[in-house]
C-alpha atoms as a PDB file:
ATOM      1  CA  PHE A   1     -38.937 -46.251 -27.942  1.00  0.00           C
ATOM      2  CA  LEU A   2     -38.831 -47.467 -24.326  1.00  0.00           C
ATOM      3  CA  PHE A   3     -35.073 -47.159 -24.417  1.00  0.00           C
ATOM      4  CA  LEU A   4     -35.297 -43.532 -25.554  1.00  0.00           C
ATOM      5  CA  VAL A   5     -37.798 -42.686 -22.788  1.00  0.00           C
ATOM      6  CA  PHE A   6     -35.484 -44.278 -20.236  1.00  0.00           C
ATOM      7  CA  TYR A   7     -32.496 -42.414 -21.645  1.00  0.00           C
ATOM      8  CA  PHE A   8     -34.119 -38.970 -21.532  1.00  0.00           C
ATOM      9  CA  THR A   9     -35.549 -39.704 -18.093  1.00  0.00           C
ATOM     10  CA  MET A  10     -32.072 -40.448 -16.785  1.00  0.00           C
ATOM     11  CA  LEU A  11     -30.619 -37.414 -18.595  1.00  0.00           C
ATOM     12  CA  TYR A  12     -33.279 -35.146 -17.060  1.00  0.00           C
ATOM     13  CA  SER A  13     -32.749 -36.530 -13.582  1.00  0.00           C
ATOM     14  CA  ASP A  14     -28.976 -36.058 -13.923  1.00  0.00           C
ATOM     15  CA  TYR A  15     -29.465 -32.475 -15.091  1.00  0.00           C
ATOM     16  CA  THR A  16     -31.863 -31.568 -12.279  1.00  0.00           C
ATOM     17  CA  GLY A  17     -29.831 -33.385  -9.653  1.00  0.00           C
ATOM     18  CA  TYR A  18     -26.404 -32.070 -10.688  1.00  0.00           C
ATOM     19  CA  PRO A  19     -26.520 -28.431 -11.733  1.00  0.00           C
ATOM     20  CA  PHE A  20     -23.732 -26.858 -13.712  1.00  0.00           C
ATOM     21  CA  PRO A  21     -20.664 -26.095 -11.559  1.00  0.00           C
ATOM     22  CA  THR A  22     -20.232 -22.516 -10.421  1.00  0.00           C
ATOM     23  CA  ALA A  23     -16.998 -20.565 -10.192  1.00  0.00           C
ATOM     24  CA  PRO A  24     -15.121 -21.210  -6.929  1.00  0.00           C
ATOM     25  CA  PRO A  25     -15.390 -18.397  -4.377  1.00  0.00           C
ATOM     26  CA  VAL A  26     -12.598 -15.853  -4.245  1.00  0.00           C
ATOM     27  CA  ASP A  27     -10.218 -16.406  -1.382  1.00  0.00           C
ATOM     28  CA  PRO A  28     -10.602 -13.772   1.356  1.00  0.00           C
ATOM     29  CA  PHE A  29      -7.813 -11.217   1.633  1.00  0.00           C
ATOM     30  CA  ALA A  30      -5.194 -12.507   4.045  1.00  0.00           C
ATOM     31  CA  LYS A  31      -4.535  -9.949   6.792  1.00  0.00           C
ATOM     32  CA  ILE A  32      -1.187  -8.199   6.789  1.00  0.00           C
ATOM     33  CA  ARG A  33       1.143  -9.619   9.439  1.00  0.00           C
ATOM     34  CA  VAL A  34       3.040  -6.957  11.365  1.00  0.00           C
ATOM     35  CA  ASP A  35       4.944  -9.325  13.626  1.00  0.00           C
ATOM     36  CA  ASP A  36       7.166 -10.144  10.619  1.00  0.00           C
ATOM     37  CA  CYS A  37       8.198  -6.496  10.292  1.00  0.00           C
ATOM     38  CA  GLY A  38      11.945  -6.024  10.591  1.00  0.00           C
ATOM     39  CA  LYS A  39      12.484  -9.787  10.340  1.00  0.00           C
ATOM     40  CA  THR A  40      11.241 -11.229   7.062  1.00  0.00           C
ATOM     41  CA  LYS A  41       9.975  -7.960   5.563  1.00  0.00           C
ATOM     42  CA  GLY A  42      10.507  -4.212   5.830  1.00  0.00           C
ATOM     43  CA  CYS A  43       7.743  -2.004   7.128  1.00  0.00           C
ATOM     44  CA  PHE A  44       6.854   1.641   7.362  1.00  0.00           C
ATOM     45  CA  ARG A  45       4.136   2.786   9.749  1.00  0.00           C
ATOM     46  CA  TYR A  46       2.752   6.297   9.836  1.00  0.00           C
ATOM     47  CA  GLY A  47       0.257   7.326  12.503  1.00  0.00           C
ATOM     48  CA  LYS A  48      -0.315   6.704  16.174  1.00  0.00           C
ATOM     49  CA  PRO A  49       2.518   5.045  18.129  1.00  0.00           C
ATOM     50  CA  GLY A  50       2.091   1.311  18.228  1.00  0.00           C
ATOM     51  CA  CYS A  51      -0.304   1.239  15.277  1.00  0.00           C
ATOM     52  CA  ASN A  52      -0.527  -1.740  12.901  1.00  0.00           C
ATOM     53  CA  ALA A  53      -1.629  -2.366   9.331  1.00  0.00           C
ATOM     54  CA  GLU A  54      -5.292  -1.897  10.356  1.00  0.00           C
ATOM     55  CA  THR A  55      -4.888   1.190  12.509  1.00  0.00           C
ATOM     56  CA  CYS A  56      -2.022   3.255  11.049  1.00  0.00           C
ATOM     57  CA  ASP A  57      -2.901   6.243   8.915  1.00  0.00           C
ATOM     58  CA  TYR A  58      -0.603   4.635   6.337  1.00  0.00           C
ATOM     59  CA  PHE A  59       1.189   1.264   6.275  1.00  0.00           C
ATOM     60  CA  LEU A  60       3.593  -0.279   3.783  1.00  0.00           C
ATOM     61  CA  SER A  61       5.593  -3.510   3.769  1.00  0.00           C
ATOM     62  CA  TYR A  62       7.991  -5.020   1.267  1.00  0.00           C
ATOM     63  CA  ARG A  63       9.815  -8.337   0.921  1.00  0.00           C
ATOM     64  CA  ARG A  64      11.713 -10.154  -1.742  1.00  0.00           C
ATOM     65  CA  ILE A  65      10.191 -13.328  -3.181  1.00  0.00           C
ATOM     66  CA  GLY A  66      12.421 -14.831  -5.816  1.00  0.00           C
ATOM     67  CA  ALA A  67      12.757 -12.369  -8.716  1.00  0.00           C
ATOM     68  CA  ASP A  68       9.909 -10.177  -7.358  1.00  0.00           C
ATOM     69  CA  VAL A  69       9.226  -7.770  -4.541  1.00  0.00           C
ATOM     70  CA  GLU A  70       5.907  -8.141  -2.776  1.00  0.00           C
ATOM     71  CA  PHE A  71       4.323  -4.929  -1.490  1.00  0.00           C
ATOM     72  CA  GLU A  72       1.480  -4.534   0.981  1.00  0.00           C
ATOM     73  CA  LEU A  73      -0.200  -1.146   1.373  1.00  0.00           C
ATOM     74  CA  SER A  74      -3.013   0.039   3.602  1.00  0.00           C
ATOM     75  CA  ALA A  75      -4.388   3.466   4.485  1.00  0.00           C
ATOM     76  CA  ASP A  76      -7.276   5.087   6.316  1.00  0.00           C
ATOM     77  CA  THR A  77      -9.135   6.237   3.190  1.00  0.00           C
ATOM     78  CA  ASP A  78     -11.989   5.254   0.922  1.00  0.00           C
ATOM     79  CA  GLY A  79     -10.059   6.328  -2.199  1.00  0.00           C
ATOM     80  CA  TRP A  80      -6.491   5.286  -2.930  1.00  0.00           C
ATOM     81  CA  VAL A  81      -3.152   4.461  -1.282  1.00  0.00           C
ATOM     82  CA  ALA A  82       0.205   4.615  -3.080  1.00  0.00           C
ATOM     83  CA  VAL A  83       3.971   4.349  -2.817  1.00  0.00           C
ATOM     84  CA  GLY A  84       6.371   6.297  -5.036  1.00  0.00           C
ATOM     85  CA  PHE A  85       9.977   5.446  -5.819  1.00  0.00           C
ATOM     86  CA  SER A  86      12.047   8.598  -6.134  1.00  0.00           C
ATOM     87  CA  SER A  87      15.679   9.705  -6.481  1.00  0.00           C
ATOM     88  CA  ASP A  88      15.013  12.521  -4.011  1.00  0.00           C
ATOM     89  CA  LYS A  89      12.467  13.474  -1.354  1.00  0.00           C
ATOM     90  CA  LYS A  90      10.392  15.610  -3.686  1.00  0.00           C
ATOM     91  CA  MET A  91       7.408  14.724  -5.835  1.00  0.00           C
ATOM     92  CA  GLY A  92       8.165  14.774  -9.589  1.00  0.00           C
ATOM     93  CA  GLY A  93       9.693  12.215 -11.941  1.00  0.00           C
ATOM     94  CA  ASP A  94       8.629   9.320  -9.710  1.00  0.00           C
ATOM     95  CA  ASP A  95       7.522   5.735 -10.429  1.00  0.00           C
ATOM     96  CA  VAL A  96       4.241   5.249  -8.482  1.00  0.00           C
ATOM     97  CA  MET A  97       2.194   2.173  -7.665  1.00  0.00           C
ATOM     98  CA  ALA A  98      -1.342   2.924  -6.417  1.00  0.00           C
ATOM     99  CA  CYS A  99      -4.210   0.858  -5.163  1.00  0.00           C
ATOM    100  CA  VAL A 100      -7.478   2.522  -6.154  1.00  0.00           C
ATOM    101  CA  HIS A 101     -10.946   1.828  -4.802  1.00  0.00           C
ATOM    102  CA  ASP A 102     -13.424   2.203  -7.700  1.00  0.00           C
ATOM    103  CA  ASP A 103     -17.187   2.751  -7.812  1.00  0.00           C
ATOM    104  CA  ASN A 104     -17.829  -1.011  -8.150  1.00  0.00           C
ATOM    105  CA  GLY A 105     -16.232  -1.722  -4.804  1.00  0.00           C
ATOM    106  CA  ARG A 106     -13.093  -3.256  -6.303  1.00  0.00           C
ATOM    107  CA  VAL A 107      -9.522  -2.284  -5.502  1.00  0.00           C
ATOM    108  CA  ARG A 108      -7.344  -2.053  -8.610  1.00  0.00           C
ATOM    109  CA  ILE A 109      -3.562  -1.707  -8.774  1.00  0.00           C
ATOM    110  CA  GLN A 110      -2.496   1.021 -11.189  1.00  0.00           C
ATOM    111  CA  HIS A 111       0.829   2.389 -12.365  1.00  0.00           C
ATOM    112  CA  PHE A 112       1.516   6.157 -12.480  1.00  0.00           C
ATOM    113  CA  TYR A 113       4.411   8.456 -13.259  1.00  0.00           C
ATOM    114  CA  ASN A 114       4.586  11.814 -11.461  1.00  0.00           C
ATOM    115  CA  VAL A 115       4.993  14.719 -13.868  1.00  0.00           C
ATOM    116  CA  GLY A 116       5.566  17.589 -11.444  1.00  0.00           C
ATOM    117  CA  GLN A 117       2.587  17.534  -9.067  1.00  0.00           C
ATOM    118  CA  TRP A 118       0.439  15.577 -11.498  1.00  0.00           C
ATOM    119  CA  ALA A 119       0.186  11.789 -11.601  1.00  0.00           C
ATOM    120  CA  LYS A 120      -0.086  10.408 -15.149  1.00  0.00           C
ATOM    121  CA  GLU A 121      -1.374   6.829 -15.488  1.00  0.00           C
ATOM    122  CA  ILE A 122       0.991   4.547 -17.386  1.00  0.00           C
ATOM    123  CA  GLN A 123      -0.582   1.690 -19.320  1.00  0.00           C
ATOM    124  CA  ARG A 124       2.459  -0.543 -18.854  1.00  0.00           C
ATOM    125  CA  ASN A 125       1.810  -1.964 -15.389  1.00  0.00           C
ATOM    126  CA  PRO A 126       4.522  -4.097 -13.788  1.00  0.00           C
ATOM    127  CA  ALA A 127       2.198  -5.370 -11.026  1.00  0.00           C
ATOM    128  CA  ARG A 128       1.115  -9.017 -10.839  1.00  0.00           C
ATOM    129  CA  ASP A 129      -0.566 -11.347  -8.375  1.00  0.00           C
ATOM    130  CA  GLU A 130      -2.776  -8.404  -7.459  1.00  0.00           C
ATOM    131  CA  GLU A 131      -5.349  -8.443  -4.707  1.00  0.00           C
ATOM    132  CA  GLY A 132      -7.101  -5.751  -2.744  1.00  0.00           C
ATOM    133  CA  VAL A 133      -9.979  -5.059  -0.441  1.00  0.00           C
ATOM    134  CA  PHE A 134     -11.970  -2.111   0.944  1.00  0.00           C
ATOM    135  CA  GLU A 135     -13.075  -2.775   4.507  1.00  0.00           C
ATOM    136  CA  ASN A 136     -13.682  -0.623   7.580  1.00  0.00           C
ATOM    137  CA  ASN A 137     -13.085   2.535   5.522  1.00  0.00           C
ATOM    138  CA  ARG A 138      -9.580   1.314   4.594  1.00  0.00           C
ATOM    139  CA  VAL A 139      -8.048   0.515   1.237  1.00  0.00           C
ATOM    140  CA  THR A 140      -5.649  -2.430   1.519  1.00  0.00           C
ATOM    141  CA  CYS A 141      -3.811  -4.241  -1.244  1.00  0.00           C
ATOM    142  CA  ARG A 142      -1.032  -6.678  -2.044  1.00  0.00           C
ATOM    143  CA  PHE A 143       0.909  -7.112  -5.278  1.00  0.00           C
ATOM    144  CA  LYS A 144       4.275  -8.115  -6.734  1.00  0.00           C
ATOM    145  CA  ARG A 145       6.502  -6.454  -9.257  1.00  0.00           C
ATOM    146  CA  PRO A 146       9.830  -7.554 -10.692  1.00  0.00           C
ATOM    147  CA  VAL A 147      13.078  -6.517  -9.067  1.00  0.00           C
ATOM    148  CA  TYR A 148      14.734  -5.984 -12.455  1.00  0.00           C
ATOM    149  CA  VAL A 149      13.014  -4.362 -15.441  1.00  0.00           C
ATOM    150  CA  PRO A 150      14.217  -3.341 -18.905  1.00  0.00           C
ATOM    151  CA  ARG A 151      15.527   0.210 -18.920  1.00  0.00           C
ATOM    152  CA  GLU A 152      12.461   2.485 -18.898  1.00  0.00           C
ATOM    153  CA  GLU A 153      11.975   6.012 -17.673  1.00  0.00           C
ATOM    154  CA  THR A 154       8.681   5.333 -15.900  1.00  0.00           C
ATOM    155  CA  ILE A 155       9.670   2.045 -14.174  1.00  0.00           C
ATOM    156  CA  VAL A 156      12.623   1.896 -11.815  1.00  0.00           C
ATOM    157  CA  ASP A 157      14.848  -1.061 -10.949  1.00  0.00           C
ATOM    158  CA  LEU A 158      14.039  -2.019  -7.398  1.00  0.00           C
ATOM    159  CA  HIS A 159      17.466  -3.572  -6.802  1.00  0.00           C
ATOM    160  CA  LEU A 160      18.678   0.034  -6.557  1.00  0.00           C
ATOM    161  CA  SER A 161      17.894   2.126  -3.485  1.00  0.00           C
ATOM    162  CA  TRP A 162      15.207   4.820  -3.687  1.00  0.00           C
ATOM    163  CA  TYR A 163      13.423   7.228  -1.412  1.00  0.00           C
ATOM    164  CA  TYR A 164       9.884   5.965  -0.750  1.00  0.00           C
ATOM    165  CA  LEU A 165       7.085   8.540  -0.972  1.00  0.00           C
ATOM    166  CA  PHE A 166       3.927   7.623   0.909  1.00  0.00           C
ATOM    167  CA  ALA A 167       0.570   9.057  -0.108  1.00  0.00           C
ATOM    168  CA  TRP A 168      -3.151   8.433   0.071  1.00  0.00           C
ATOM    169  CA  GLY A 169      -6.347  10.337  -0.632  1.00  0.00           C
ATOM    170  CA  PRO A 170      -9.834  10.368  -2.109  1.00  0.00           C
ATOM    171  CA  ALA A 171     -10.929   9.074  -5.485  1.00  0.00           C
ATOM    172  CA  ILE A 172     -13.784  10.197  -7.738  1.00  0.00           C
ATOM    173  CA  GLN A 173     -15.304   7.493  -9.923  1.00  0.00           C
ATOM    174  CA  GLY A 174     -12.160   5.408  -9.605  1.00  0.00           C
ATOM    175  CA  SER A 175      -9.812   8.282 -10.456  1.00  0.00           C
ATOM    176  CA  ILE A 176      -7.304   9.525  -7.896  1.00  0.00           C
ATOM    177  CA  THR A 177      -7.398  13.121  -6.651  1.00  0.00           C
ATOM    178  CA  ARG A 178      -5.012  15.164  -4.529  1.00  0.00           C
ATOM    179  CA  HIS A 179      -3.522  13.420  -1.515  1.00  0.00           C
ATOM    180  CA  ASP A 180      -4.989  14.031   1.941  1.00  0.00           C
ATOM    181  CA  ILE A 181      -2.074  16.001   3.463  1.00  0.00           C
ATOM    182  CA  ASP A 182      -0.048  18.837   1.963  1.00  0.00           C
ATOM    183  CA  SER A 183       3.317  17.260   2.762  1.00  0.00           C
ATOM    184  CA  PRO A 184       2.992  13.437   2.565  1.00  0.00           C
ATOM    185  CA  PRO A 185       5.561  11.480   4.565  1.00  0.00           C
ATOM    186  CA  VAL A 186       8.739  10.243   2.880  1.00  0.00           C
ATOM    187  CA  SER A 187      11.434   7.794   4.031  1.00  0.00           C
ATOM    188  CA  GLU A 188      14.245   9.552   5.888  1.00  0.00           C
ATOM    189  CA  ARG A 189      16.823   7.826   3.717  1.00  0.00           C
ATOM    190  CA  VAL A 190      16.915   5.681   0.621  1.00  0.00           C
ATOM    191  CA  VAL A 191      15.396   2.223   1.049  1.00  0.00           C
ATOM    192  CA  SER A 192      17.076  -1.039   0.003  1.00  0.00           C
ATOM    193  CA  ILE A 193      14.911  -4.090  -0.617  1.00  0.00           C
ATOM    194  CA  TYR A 194      17.797  -6.142   0.740  1.00  0.00           C
ATOM    195  CA  LYS A 195      17.466  -4.660   4.217  1.00  0.00           C
ATOM    196  CA  TYR A 196      14.411  -5.207   6.406  1.00  0.00           C
ATOM    197  CA  GLU A 197      13.582  -2.611   9.021  1.00  0.00           C
ATOM    198  CA  ASP A 198      10.496  -1.687  10.977  1.00  0.00           C
ATOM    199  CA  ILE A 199      10.260   2.095  10.813  1.00  0.00           C
ATOM    200  CA  PHE A 200       7.651   4.166  12.619  1.00  0.00           C
ATOM    201  CA  MET A 201       6.867   7.749  11.654  1.00  0.00           C
ATOM    202  CA  PRO A 202       4.523   9.629  13.971  1.00  0.00           C
ATOM    203  CA  SER A 203       1.763  11.584  12.262  1.00  0.00           C
ATOM    204  CA  ALA A 204       1.415  15.340  12.889  1.00  0.00           C
ATOM    205  CA  ALA A 205      -0.872  14.785  15.877  1.00  0.00           C
ATOM    206  CA  TYR A 206       1.884  12.839  17.684  1.00  0.00           C
ATOM    207  CA  GLN A 207       4.918  14.904  16.690  1.00  0.00           C
ATOM    208  CA  THR A 208       4.431  17.723  19.189  1.00  0.00           C
ATOM    209  CA  PHE A 209       6.799  16.469  21.857  1.00  0.00           C
ATOM    210  CA  SER A 210       9.000  14.280  19.707  1.00  0.00           C
ATOM    211  CA  SER A 211      10.497  16.891  17.392  1.00  0.00           C
ATOM    212  CA  PRO A 212      14.051  18.087  18.163  1.00  0.00           C
ATOM    213  CA  PHE A 213      12.897  21.722  18.448  1.00  0.00           C
ATOM    214  CA  CYS A 214      10.275  20.907  21.055  1.00  0.00           C
ATOM    215  CA  LEU A 215      12.708  18.792  23.093  1.00  0.00           C
ATOM    216  CA  LEU A 216      15.256  21.629  23.014  1.00  0.00           C
ATOM    217  CA  LEU A 217      12.566  24.075  24.110  1.00  0.00           C
ATOM    218  CA  ILE A 218      11.570  21.866  27.042  1.00  0.00           C
ATOM    219  CA  VAL A 219      15.202  21.575  28.174  1.00  0.00           C
ATOM    220  CA  ALA A 220      15.673  25.373  27.907  1.00  0.00           C
ATOM    221  CA  LEU A 221      12.522  26.100  29.913  1.00  0.00           C
ATOM    222  CA  THR A 222      13.508  23.578  32.574  1.00  0.00           C
ATOM    223  CA  PHE A 223      16.979  25.121  32.860  1.00  0.00           C
ATOM    224  CA  TYR A 224      15.454  28.629  33.073  1.00  0.00           C
ATOM    225  CA  LEU A 225      13.054  27.632  35.835  1.00  0.00           C
ATOM    226  CA  LEU A 226      15.795  25.912  37.812  1.00  0.00           C
ATOM    227  CA  MET A 227      18.117  28.929  37.532  1.00  0.00           C
ATOM    228  CA  GLY A 228      15.344  31.245  38.542  1.00  0.00           C
ATOM    229  CA  THR A 229      14.585  29.316  41.715  1.00  0.00           C
ATOM    230  CA  PRO A 230      16.252  30.857  44.830  1.00  0.00           C
END
């Protein structure tokens, strides 16, 4: 009897002194490094000149890791940010990867296929090693997907070159809605995952004096004023 009392006393003290282990905390989202752009990964920046992954209207990076391509996306939105892989510069018939901020505060990576102007969610999702965060009114995510995939209409082979379509916008109850701007930016030429560049695209607010038409107009006005001076 004394042995049983001693045994249960020790068992109770062990239980109260050593609670059941809890799940380890989730690692914080590692910030996107922009100093690697053009060196060990390719980047696209859309927004204010000199912006980075935390200040651009839209940011995307890609790099090869073994048999995968790792993508990092970030946009100034509380809804979703996406990249589409297209054979042309127009929306329609495109393989799309989107990071969607849902009502529970999570950022989920979803796969879509553009049917005309409508994005249809595809259950077969090639993304893996997914992580995402919503902070400072920005949706940011990181994921990998295979370079090569079995022939499938809705999933492209990334070893081929594609135009990249960049889009972001609001979400309602975790479902994406129309993108924020009428004509979302698109890569000027097809993108190869085997070539790393750091490409900046000024947003509309910063295109005024950088477009060829405006530069030509400035030259013409300057010439006119000089010719008109006695």
